[in-house]
Amino acid sequence: FQTEVLAELLPPLEADGTSHLWEALGRRFCNLSYAAA
């Protein structure tokens, strides 16, 4: 294993799984839903 360990935590999501950051940013550059991406 490496000299550093990373843990990625889930942010607040809507009840249906919607990510507000994805809708405002990612979807504008990638024509996919958050779940699909």
PDB file of all heavy atoms in Angstrom:
ATOM      1  N   PHE A   1       0.817  -1.209   0.000  1.00  0.00           N
ATOM      2  CA  PHE A   1       0.000   0.000   0.000  1.00  0.00           C
ATOM      3  C   PHE A   1       0.856   1.266   0.000  1.00  0.00           C
ATOM      4  O   PHE A   1       2.047   1.224   0.305  1.00  0.00           O
ATOM      5  CB  PHE A   1      -0.951  -0.040   1.196  1.00  0.00           C
ATOM      6  CG  PHE A   1      -1.840  -1.261   1.177  1.00  0.00           C
ATOM      7  CD1 PHE A   1      -1.592  -2.332   2.038  1.00  0.00           C
ATOM      8  CD2 PHE A   1      -2.871  -1.364   0.269  1.00  0.00           C
ATOM      9  CE1 PHE A   1      -2.377  -3.467   2.004  1.00  0.00           C
ATOM     10  CE2 PHE A   1      -3.672  -2.498   0.225  1.00  0.00           C
ATOM     11  CZ  PHE A   1      -3.426  -3.551   1.083  1.00  0.00           C
ATOM     12  N   GLN A   2       0.222   2.376  -0.343  1.00  0.00           N
ATOM     13  CA  GLN A   2       0.918   3.638  -0.541  1.00  0.00           C
ATOM     14  C   GLN A   2       1.190   4.352   0.785  1.00  0.00           C
ATOM     15  O   GLN A   2       0.751   3.917   1.852  1.00  0.00           O
ATOM     16  CB  GLN A   2       0.092   4.531  -1.466  1.00  0.00           C
ATOM     17  CG  GLN A   2      -0.166   3.920  -2.833  1.00  0.00           C
ATOM     18  CD  GLN A   2       1.117   3.585  -3.574  1.00  0.00           C
ATOM     19  OE1 GLN A   2       1.975   4.451  -3.790  1.00  0.00           O
ATOM     20  NE2 GLN A   2       1.282   2.323  -3.958  1.00  0.00           N
ATOM     21  N   THR A   3       1.896   5.461   0.705  1.00  0.00           N
ATOM     22  CA  THR A   3       2.279   6.205   1.908  1.00  0.00           C
ATOM     23  C   THR A   3       1.143   7.086   2.425  1.00  0.00           C
ATOM     24  O   THR A   3       1.256   7.672   3.501  1.00  0.00           O
ATOM     25  CB  THR A   3       3.505   7.087   1.644  1.00  0.00           C
ATOM     26  OG1 THR A   3       3.215   7.982   0.556  1.00  0.00           O
ATOM     27  CG2 THR A   3       4.711   6.227   1.285  1.00  0.00           C
ATOM     28  N   GLU A   4       0.065   7.194   1.649  1.00  0.00           N
ATOM     29  CA  GLU A   4      -1.097   7.989   2.050  1.00  0.00           C
ATOM     30  C   GLU A   4      -2.362   7.169   1.807  1.00  0.00           C
ATOM     31  O   GLU A   4      -2.441   6.405   0.846  1.00  0.00           O
ATOM     32  CB  GLU A   4      -1.159   9.290   1.244  1.00  0.00           C
ATOM     33  CG  GLU A   4      -2.300  10.214   1.635  1.00  0.00           C
ATOM     34  CD  GLU A   4      -2.324  11.486   0.804  1.00  0.00           C
ATOM     35  OE1 GLU A   4      -2.492  11.391  -0.437  1.00  0.00           O
ATOM     36  OE2 GLU A   4      -2.174  12.572   1.389  1.00  0.00           O
ATOM     37  N   VAL A   5      -3.334   7.327   2.697  1.00  0.00           N
ATOM     38  CA  VAL A   5      -4.620   6.643   2.549  1.00  0.00           C
ATOM     39  C   VAL A   5      -5.713   7.699   2.381  1.00  0.00           C
ATOM     40  O   VAL A   5      -5.721   8.719   3.087  1.00  0.00           O
ATOM     41  CB  VAL A   5      -4.939   5.748   3.768  1.00  0.00           C
ATOM     42  CG1 VAL A   5      -6.307   5.073   3.600  1.00  0.00           C
ATOM     43  CG2 VAL A   5      -3.855   4.683   3.947  1.00  0.00           C
ATOM     44  N   LEU A   6      -6.616   7.443   1.453  1.00  0.00           N
ATOM     45  CA  LEU A   6      -7.706   8.356   1.129  1.00  0.00           C
ATOM     46  C   LEU A   6      -9.048   7.714   1.432  1.00  0.00           C
ATOM     47  O   LEU A   6      -9.243   6.520   1.177  1.00  0.00           O
ATOM     48  CB  LEU A   6      -7.650   8.711  -0.359  1.00  0.00           C
ATOM     49  CG  LEU A   6      -8.913   9.321  -0.985  1.00  0.00           C
ATOM     50  CD1 LEU A   6      -8.992  10.805  -0.670  1.00  0.00           C
ATOM     51  CD2 LEU A   6      -8.953   9.090  -2.483  1.00  0.00           C
ATOM     52  N   ALA A   7      -9.963   8.516   1.961  1.00  0.00           N
ATOM     53  CA  ALA A   7     -11.351   8.104   2.107  1.00  0.00           C
ATOM     54  C   ALA A   7     -12.221   9.205   1.517  1.00  0.00           C
ATOM     55  O   ALA A   7     -12.078  10.371   1.871  1.00  0.00           O
ATOM     56  CB  ALA A   7     -11.712   7.878   3.572  1.00  0.00           C
ATOM     57  N   GLU A   8     -13.103   8.833   0.600  1.00  0.00           N
ATOM     58  CA  GLU A   8     -14.019   9.788  -0.011  1.00  0.00           C
ATOM     59  C   GLU A   8     -15.389   9.622   0.629  1.00  0.00           C
ATOM     60  O   GLU A   8     -15.962   8.532   0.616  1.00  0.00           O
ATOM     61  CB  GLU A   8     -14.106   9.548  -1.518  1.00  0.00           C
ATOM     62  CG  GLU A   8     -15.056  10.493  -2.225  1.00  0.00           C
ATOM     63  CD  GLU A   8     -15.197  10.175  -3.701  1.00  0.00           C
ATOM     64  OE1 GLU A   8     -14.191   9.764  -4.321  1.00  0.00           O
ATOM     65  OE2 GLU A   8     -16.321  10.329  -4.230  1.00  0.00           O
ATOM     66  N   LEU A   9     -15.918  10.709   1.187  1.00  0.00           N
ATOM     67  CA  LEU A   9     -17.193  10.647   1.884  1.00  0.00           C
ATOM     68  C   LEU A   9     -18.319  11.180   1.017  1.00  0.00           C
ATOM     69  O   LEU A   9     -18.126  12.087   0.201  1.00  0.00           O
ATOM     70  CB  LEU A   9     -17.135  11.436   3.189  1.00  0.00           C
ATOM     71  CG  LEU A   9     -16.077  10.975   4.199  1.00  0.00           C
ATOM     72  CD1 LEU A   9     -16.266  11.697   5.517  1.00  0.00           C
ATOM     73  CD2 LEU A   9     -16.124   9.476   4.410  1.00  0.00           C
ATOM     74  N   LEU A  10     -19.499  10.615   1.215  1.00  0.00           N
ATOM     75  CA  LEU A  10     -20.659  11.059   0.453  1.00  0.00           C
ATOM     76  C   LEU A  10     -21.111  12.434   0.938  1.00  0.00           C
ATOM     77  O   LEU A  10     -21.174  12.687   2.142  1.00  0.00           O
ATOM     78  CB  LEU A  10     -21.804  10.059   0.607  1.00  0.00           C
ATOM     79  CG  LEU A  10     -21.656   8.724  -0.135  1.00  0.00           C
ATOM     80  CD1 LEU A  10     -22.796   7.787   0.251  1.00  0.00           C
ATOM     81  CD2 LEU A  10     -21.639   8.944  -1.639  1.00  0.00           C
ATOM     82  N   PRO A  11     -21.484  13.315   0.006  1.00  0.00           N
ATOM     83  CA  PRO A  11     -22.004  14.624   0.378  1.00  0.00           C
ATOM     84  C   PRO A  11     -23.516  14.539   0.600  1.00  0.00           C
ATOM     85  O   PRO A  11     -24.120  13.468   0.419  1.00  0.00           O
ATOM     86  CB  PRO A  11     -21.703  15.457  -0.875  1.00  0.00           C
ATOM     87  CG  PRO A  11     -21.924  14.464  -1.986  1.00  0.00           C
ATOM     88  CD  PRO A  11     -21.414  13.140  -1.457  1.00  0.00           C
ATOM     89  N   PRO A  12     -24.149  15.631   0.966  1.00  0.00           N
ATOM     90  CA  PRO A  12     -25.610  15.630   1.012  1.00  0.00           C
ATOM     91  C   PRO A  12     -26.188  15.426  -0.392  1.00  0.00           C
ATOM     92  O   PRO A  12     -25.795  16.110  -1.340  1.00  0.00           O
ATOM     93  CB  PRO A  12     -25.948  17.038   1.536  1.00  0.00           C
ATOM     94  CG  PRO A  12     -24.700  17.521   2.200  1.00  0.00           C
ATOM     95  CD  PRO A  12     -23.572  16.910   1.439  1.00  0.00           C
ATOM     96  N   LEU A  13     -27.065  14.463  -0.528  1.00  0.00           N
ATOM     97  CA  LEU A  13     -27.771  14.200  -1.784  1.00  0.00           C
ATOM     98  C   LEU A  13     -29.266  14.303  -1.534  1.00  0.00           C
ATOM     99  O   LEU A  13     -29.724  14.131  -0.404  1.00  0.00           O
ATOM    100  CB  LEU A  13     -27.426  12.806  -2.323  1.00  0.00           C
ATOM    101  CG  LEU A  13     -25.955  12.521  -2.664  1.00  0.00           C
ATOM    102  CD1 LEU A  13     -25.776  11.041  -2.996  1.00  0.00           C
ATOM    103  CD2 LEU A  13     -25.483  13.385  -3.825  1.00  0.00           C
ATOM    104  N   GLU A  14     -30.020  14.557  -2.587  1.00  0.00           N
ATOM    105  CA  GLU A  14     -31.466  14.571  -2.446  1.00  0.00           C
ATOM    106  C   GLU A  14     -31.988  13.144  -2.252  1.00  0.00           C
ATOM    107  O   GLU A  14     -31.278  12.164  -2.511  1.00  0.00           O
ATOM    108  CB  GLU A  14     -32.105  15.204  -3.676  1.00  0.00           C
ATOM    109  CG  GLU A  14     -31.793  16.693  -3.825  1.00  0.00           C
ATOM    110  CD  GLU A  14     -32.236  17.493  -2.614  1.00  0.00           C
ATOM    111  OE1 GLU A  14     -33.428  17.447  -2.257  1.00  0.00           O
ATOM    112  OE2 GLU A  14     -31.366  18.156  -1.995  1.00  0.00           O
ATOM    113  N   ALA A  15     -33.223  13.022  -1.794  1.00  0.00           N
ATOM    114  CA  ALA A  15     -33.801  11.700  -1.519  1.00  0.00           C
ATOM    115  C   ALA A  15     -33.798  10.800  -2.738  1.00  0.00           C
ATOM    116  O   ALA A  15     -33.677   9.576  -2.624  1.00  0.00           O
ATOM    117  CB  ALA A  15     -35.219  11.865  -0.981  1.00  0.00           C
ATOM    118  N   ASP A  16     -33.899  11.389  -3.930  1.00  0.00           N
ATOM    119  CA  ASP A  16     -33.903  10.589  -5.161  1.00  0.00           C
ATOM    120  C   ASP A  16     -32.498  10.373  -5.714  1.00  0.00           C
ATOM    121  O   ASP A  16     -32.326   9.850  -6.818  1.00  0.00           O
ATOM    122  CB  ASP A  16     -34.789  11.237  -6.225  1.00  0.00           C
ATOM    123  CG  ASP A  16     -34.284  12.617  -6.641  1.00  0.00           C
ATOM    124  OD1 ASP A  16     -33.276  13.094  -6.068  1.00  0.00           O
ATOM    125  OD2 ASP A  16     -34.897  13.226  -7.550  1.00  0.00           O
ATOM    126  N   GLY A  17     -31.470  10.786  -4.949  1.00  0.00           N
ATOM    127  CA  GLY A  17     -30.084  10.599  -5.374  1.00  0.00           C
ATOM    128  C   GLY A  17     -29.513  11.737  -6.190  1.00  0.00           C
ATOM    129  O   GLY A  17     -28.366  11.674  -6.630  1.00  0.00           O
ATOM    130  N   THR A  18     -30.279  12.801  -6.391  1.00  0.00           N
ATOM    131  CA  THR A  18     -29.798  13.939  -7.180  1.00  0.00           C
ATOM    132  C   THR A  18     -28.614  14.626  -6.505  1.00  0.00           C
ATOM    133  O   THR A  18     -28.620  14.855  -5.295  1.00  0.00           O
ATOM    134  CB  THR A  18     -30.922  14.975  -7.372  1.00  0.00           C
ATOM    135  OG1 THR A  18     -31.972  14.392  -8.140  1.00  0.00           O
ATOM    136  CG2 THR A  18     -30.416  16.219  -8.099  1.00  0.00           C
ATOM    137  N   SER A  19     -27.585  14.931  -7.299  1.00  0.00           N
ATOM    138  CA  SER A  19     -26.440  15.710  -6.824  1.00  0.00           C
ATOM    139  C   SER A  19     -26.555  17.110  -7.404  1.00  0.00           C
ATOM    140  O   SER A  19     -26.533  17.299  -8.623  1.00  0.00           O
ATOM    141  CB  SER A  19     -25.126  15.067  -7.276  1.00  0.00           C
ATOM    142  OG  SER A  19     -24.056  15.996  -7.184  1.00  0.00           O
ATOM    143  N   HIS A  20     -26.648  18.113  -6.537  1.00  0.00           N
ATOM    144  CA  HIS A  20     -26.786  19.484  -7.013  1.00  0.00           C
ATOM    145  C   HIS A  20     -25.525  19.957  -7.731  1.00  0.00           C
ATOM    146  O   HIS A  20     -25.605  20.733  -8.695  1.00  0.00           O
ATOM    147  CB  HIS A  20     -27.121  20.423  -5.855  1.00  0.00           C
ATOM    148  CG  HIS A  20     -28.525  20.262  -5.363  1.00  0.00           C
ATOM    149  ND1 HIS A  20     -29.625  20.582  -6.132  1.00  0.00           N
ATOM    150  CD2 HIS A  20     -29.020  19.806  -4.177  1.00  0.00           C
ATOM    151  CE1 HIS A  20     -30.731  20.350  -5.456  1.00  0.00           C
ATOM    152  NE2 HIS A  20     -30.395  19.868  -4.267  1.00  0.00           N
ATOM    153  N   LEU A  21     -24.351  19.506  -7.283  1.00  0.00           N
ATOM    154  CA  LEU A  21     -23.131  19.917  -7.971  1.00  0.00           C
ATOM    155  C   LEU A  21     -23.084  19.331  -9.374  1.00  0.00           C
ATOM    156  O   LEU A  21     -22.687  20.003 -10.332  1.00  0.00           O
ATOM    157  CB  LEU A  21     -21.886  19.496  -7.179  1.00  0.00           C
ATOM    158  CG  LEU A  21     -20.568  19.979  -7.798  1.00  0.00           C
ATOM    159  CD1 LEU A  21     -20.475  21.501  -7.767  1.00  0.00           C
ATOM    160  CD2 LEU A  21     -19.366  19.361  -7.099  1.00  0.00           C
ATOM    161  N   TRP A  22     -23.498  18.074  -9.516  1.00  0.00           N
ATOM    162  CA  TRP A  22     -23.504  17.467 -10.849  1.00  0.00           C
ATOM    163  C   TRP A  22     -24.453  18.209 -11.782  1.00  0.00           C
ATOM    164  O   TRP A  22     -24.119  18.487 -12.940  1.00  0.00           O
ATOM    165  CB  TRP A  22     -23.894  15.995 -10.777  1.00  0.00           C
ATOM    166  CG  TRP A  22     -23.967  15.378 -12.151  1.00  0.00           C
ATOM    167  CD1 TRP A  22     -25.080  15.118 -12.890  1.00  0.00           C
ATOM    168  CD2 TRP A  22     -22.858  14.985 -12.955  1.00  0.00           C
ATOM    169  NE1 TRP A  22     -24.746  14.590 -14.109  1.00  0.00           N
ATOM    170  CE2 TRP A  22     -23.378  14.499 -14.172  1.00  0.00           C
ATOM    171  CE3 TRP A  22     -21.482  14.995 -12.775  1.00  0.00           C
ATOM    172  CZ2 TRP A  22     -22.568  14.026 -15.212  1.00  0.00           C
ATOM    173  CZ3 TRP A  22     -20.669  14.532 -13.799  1.00  0.00           C
ATOM    174  CH2 TRP A  22     -21.216  14.049 -14.994  1.00  0.00           C
ATOM    175  N   GLU A  23     -25.631  18.551 -11.292  1.00  0.00           N
ATOM    176  CA  GLU A  23     -26.602  19.235 -12.138  1.00  0.00           C
ATOM    177  C   GLU A  23     -26.107  20.612 -12.563  1.00  0.00           C
ATOM    178  O   GLU A  23     -26.368  21.061 -13.677  1.00  0.00           O
ATOM    179  CB  GLU A  23     -27.947  19.360 -11.406  1.00  0.00           C
ATOM    180  CG  GLU A  23     -28.616  18.036 -11.108  1.00  0.00           C
ATOM    181  CD  GLU A  23     -28.862  17.201 -12.358  1.00  0.00           C
ATOM    182  OE1 GLU A  23     -29.282  17.782 -13.388  1.00  0.00           O
ATOM    183  OE2 GLU A  23     -28.624  15.974 -12.312  1.00  0.00           O
ATOM    184  N   ALA A  24     -25.350  21.275 -11.662  1.00  0.00           N
ATOM    185  CA  ALA A  24     -24.872  22.621 -11.962  1.00  0.00           C
ATOM    186  C   ALA A  24     -23.580  22.631 -12.763  1.00  0.00           C
ATOM    187  O   ALA A  24     -23.289  23.609 -13.466  1.00  0.00           O
ATOM    188  CB  ALA A  24     -24.665  23.394 -10.660  1.00  0.00           C
ATOM    189  N   LEU A  25     -22.803  21.543 -12.683  1.00  0.00           N
ATOM    190  CA  LEU A  25     -21.476  21.545 -13.309  1.00  0.00           C
ATOM    191  C   LEU A  25     -21.272  20.357 -14.245  1.00  0.00           C
ATOM    192  O   LEU A  25     -21.179  20.530 -15.468  1.00  0.00           O
ATOM    193  CB  LEU A  25     -20.400  21.555 -12.220  1.00  0.00           C
ATOM    194  CG  LEU A  25     -18.935  21.553 -12.687  1.00  0.00           C
ATOM    195  CD1 LEU A  25     -18.649  22.786 -13.525  1.00  0.00           C
ATOM    196  CD2 LEU A  25     -17.996  21.489 -11.484  1.00  0.00           C
ATOM    197  N   GLY A  26     -21.236  19.164 -13.695  1.00  0.00           N
ATOM    198  CA  GLY A  26     -20.878  18.005 -14.499  1.00  0.00           C
ATOM    199  C   GLY A  26     -21.777  17.768 -15.693  1.00  0.00           C
ATOM    200  O   GLY A  26     -21.301  17.481 -16.807  1.00  0.00           O
ATOM    201  N   ARG A  27     -23.079  17.892 -15.505  1.00  0.00           N
ATOM    202  CA  ARG A  27     -24.012  17.614 -16.601  1.00  0.00           C
ATOM    203  C   ARG A  27     -23.820  18.586 -17.770  1.00  0.00           C
ATOM    204  O   ARG A  27     -24.113  18.250 -18.930  1.00  0.00           O
ATOM    205  CB  ARG A  27     -25.449  17.675 -16.095  1.00  0.00           C
ATOM    206  CG  ARG A  27     -26.466  17.201 -17.125  1.00  0.00           C
ATOM    207  CD  ARG A  27     -27.864  17.406 -16.616  1.00  0.00           C
ATOM    208  NE  ARG A  27     -28.296  16.382 -15.682  1.00  0.00           N
ATOM    209  CZ  ARG A  27     -28.817  15.205 -16.052  1.00  0.00           C
ATOM    210  NH1 ARG A  27     -28.922  14.899 -17.333  1.00  0.00           N
ATOM    211  NH2 ARG A  27     -29.207  14.351 -15.135  1.00  0.00           N
ATOM    212  N   ARG A  28     -23.309  19.782 -17.496  1.00  0.00           N
ATOM    213  CA  ARG A  28     -23.113  20.771 -18.554  1.00  0.00           C
ATOM    214  C   ARG A  28     -21.949  20.426 -19.478  1.00  0.00           C
ATOM    215  O   ARG A  28     -21.817  20.973 -20.572  1.00  0.00           O
ATOM    216  CB  ARG A  28     -22.889  22.159 -17.939  1.00  0.00           C
ATOM    217  CG  ARG A  28     -24.092  22.654 -17.137  1.00  0.00           C
ATOM    218  CD  ARG A  28     -23.795  23.957 -16.430  1.00  0.00           C
ATOM    219  NE  ARG A  28     -24.919  24.368 -15.605  1.00  0.00           N
ATOM    220  CZ  ARG A  28     -25.904  25.163 -16.010  1.00  0.00           C
ATOM    221  NH1 ARG A  28     -25.903  25.615 -17.257  1.00  0.00           N
ATOM    222  NH2 ARG A  28     -26.892  25.494 -15.199  1.00  0.00           N
ATOM    223  N   PHE A  29     -21.084  19.519 -19.009  1.00  0.00           N
ATOM    224  CA  PHE A  29     -19.926  19.128 -19.823  1.00  0.00           C
ATOM    225  C   PHE A  29     -19.973  17.666 -20.236  1.00  0.00           C
ATOM    226  O   PHE A  29     -19.115  17.208 -21.001  1.00  0.00           O
ATOM    227  CB  PHE A  29     -18.636  19.387 -19.033  1.00  0.00           C
ATOM    228  CG  PHE A  29     -18.406  20.832 -18.746  1.00  0.00           C
ATOM    229  CD1 PHE A  29     -18.831  21.398 -17.556  1.00  0.00           C
ATOM    230  CD2 PHE A  29     -17.776  21.650 -19.678  1.00  0.00           C
ATOM    231  CE1 PHE A  29     -18.631  22.735 -17.289  1.00  0.00           C
ATOM    232  CE2 PHE A  29     -17.573  22.994 -19.418  1.00  0.00           C
ATOM    233  CZ  PHE A  29     -18.001  23.546 -18.221  1.00  0.00           C
ATOM    234  N   CYS A  30     -20.957  16.944 -19.718  1.00  0.00           N
ATOM    235  CA  CYS A  30     -21.049  15.505 -19.982  1.00  0.00           C
ATOM    236  C   CYS A  30     -22.522  15.131 -20.034  1.00  0.00           C
ATOM    237  O   CYS A  30     -23.231  15.271 -19.041  1.00  0.00           O
ATOM    238  CB  CYS A  30     -20.333  14.731 -18.874  1.00  0.00           C
ATOM    239  SG  CYS A  30     -20.539  12.971 -18.949  1.00  0.00           S
ATOM    240  N   ASN A  31     -22.993  14.688 -21.147  1.00  0.00           N
ATOM    241  CA  ASN A  31     -24.422  14.437 -21.340  1.00  0.00           C
ATOM    242  C   ASN A  31     -24.843  13.095 -20.743  1.00  0.00           C
ATOM    243  O   ASN A  31     -25.290  12.188 -21.435  1.00  0.00           O
ATOM    244  CB  ASN A  31     -24.761  14.476 -22.834  1.00  0.00           C
ATOM    245  CG  ASN A  31     -26.257  14.489 -23.069  1.00  0.00           C
ATOM    246  OD1 ASN A  31     -27.028  14.930 -22.214  1.00  0.00           O
ATOM    247  ND2 ASN A  31     -26.663  14.005 -24.227  1.00  0.00           N
ATOM    248  N   LEU A  32     -24.653  12.986 -19.422  1.00  0.00           N
ATOM    249  CA  LEU A  32     -25.020  11.776 -18.690  1.00  0.00           C
ATOM    250  C   LEU A  32     -25.702  12.178 -17.393  1.00  0.00           C
ATOM    251  O   LEU A  32     -25.444  13.264 -16.858  1.00  0.00           O
ATOM    252  CB  LEU A  32     -23.783  10.927 -18.358  1.00  0.00           C
ATOM    253  CG  LEU A  32     -23.048  10.234 -19.502  1.00  0.00           C
ATOM    254  CD1 LEU A  32     -21.726   9.676 -18.988  1.00  0.00           C
ATOM    255  CD2 LEU A  32     -23.895   9.120 -20.108  1.00  0.00           C
ATOM    256  N   SER A  33     -26.542  11.308 -16.868  1.00  0.00           N
ATOM    257  CA  SER A  33     -27.090  11.531 -15.535  1.00  0.00           C
ATOM    258  C   SER A  33     -25.988  11.307 -14.504  1.00  0.00           C
ATOM    259  O   SER A  33     -24.959  10.681 -14.790  1.00  0.00           O
ATOM    260  CB  SER A  33     -28.254  10.577 -15.264  1.00  0.00           C
ATOM    261  OG  SER A  33     -27.771   9.240 -15.148  1.00  0.00           O
ATOM    262  N   TYR A  34     -26.216  11.791 -13.295  1.00  0.00           N
ATOM    263  CA  TYR A  34     -25.242  11.591 -12.223  1.00  0.00           C
ATOM    264  C   TYR A  34     -24.996  10.107 -11.977  1.00  0.00           C
ATOM    265  O   TYR A  34     -23.854   9.663 -11.877  1.00  0.00           O
ATOM    266  CB  TYR A  34     -25.745  12.270 -10.946  1.00  0.00           C
ATOM    267  CG  TYR A  34     -24.968  11.920  -9.703  1.00  0.00           C
ATOM    268  CD1 TYR A  34     -23.639  12.291  -9.558  1.00  0.00           C
ATOM    269  CD2 TYR A  34     -25.571  11.210  -8.660  1.00  0.00           C
ATOM    270  CE1 TYR A  34     -22.919  11.970  -8.421  1.00  0.00           C
ATOM    271  CE2 TYR A  34     -24.859  10.900  -7.509  1.00  0.00           C
ATOM    272  CZ  TYR A  34     -23.541  11.282  -7.395  1.00  0.00           C
ATOM    273  OH  TYR A  34     -22.833  10.960  -6.263  1.00  0.00           O
ATOM    274  N   ALA A  35     -26.082   9.321 -11.917  1.00  0.00           N
ATOM    275  CA  ALA A  35     -25.943   7.881 -11.652  1.00  0.00           C
ATOM    276  C   ALA A  35     -25.174   7.196 -12.766  1.00  0.00           C
ATOM    277  O   ALA A  35     -24.299   6.358 -12.511  1.00  0.00           O
ATOM    278  CB  ALA A  35     -27.327   7.251 -11.478  1.00  0.00           C
ATOM    279  N   ALA A  36     -25.474   7.545 -14.012  1.00  0.00           N
ATOM    280  CA  ALA A  36     -24.793   6.908 -15.145  1.00  0.00           C
ATOM    281  C   ALA A  36     -23.316   7.292 -15.188  1.00  0.00           C
ATOM    282  O   ALA A  36     -22.443   6.450 -15.442  1.00  0.00           O
ATOM    283  CB  ALA A  36     -25.477   7.291 -16.450  1.00  0.00           C
ATOM    284  N   ALA A  37     -23.019   8.566 -14.926  1.00  0.00           N
ATOM    285  CA  ALA A  37     -21.624   9.012 -14.936  1.00  0.00           C
ATOM    286  C   ALA A  37     -20.832   8.374 -13.805  1.00  0.00           C
ATOM    287  O   ALA A  37     -19.672   7.984 -13.976  1.00  0.00           O
ATOM    288  CB  ALA A  37     -21.573  10.535 -14.829  1.00  0.00           C
TER     289      ALA A  37
END
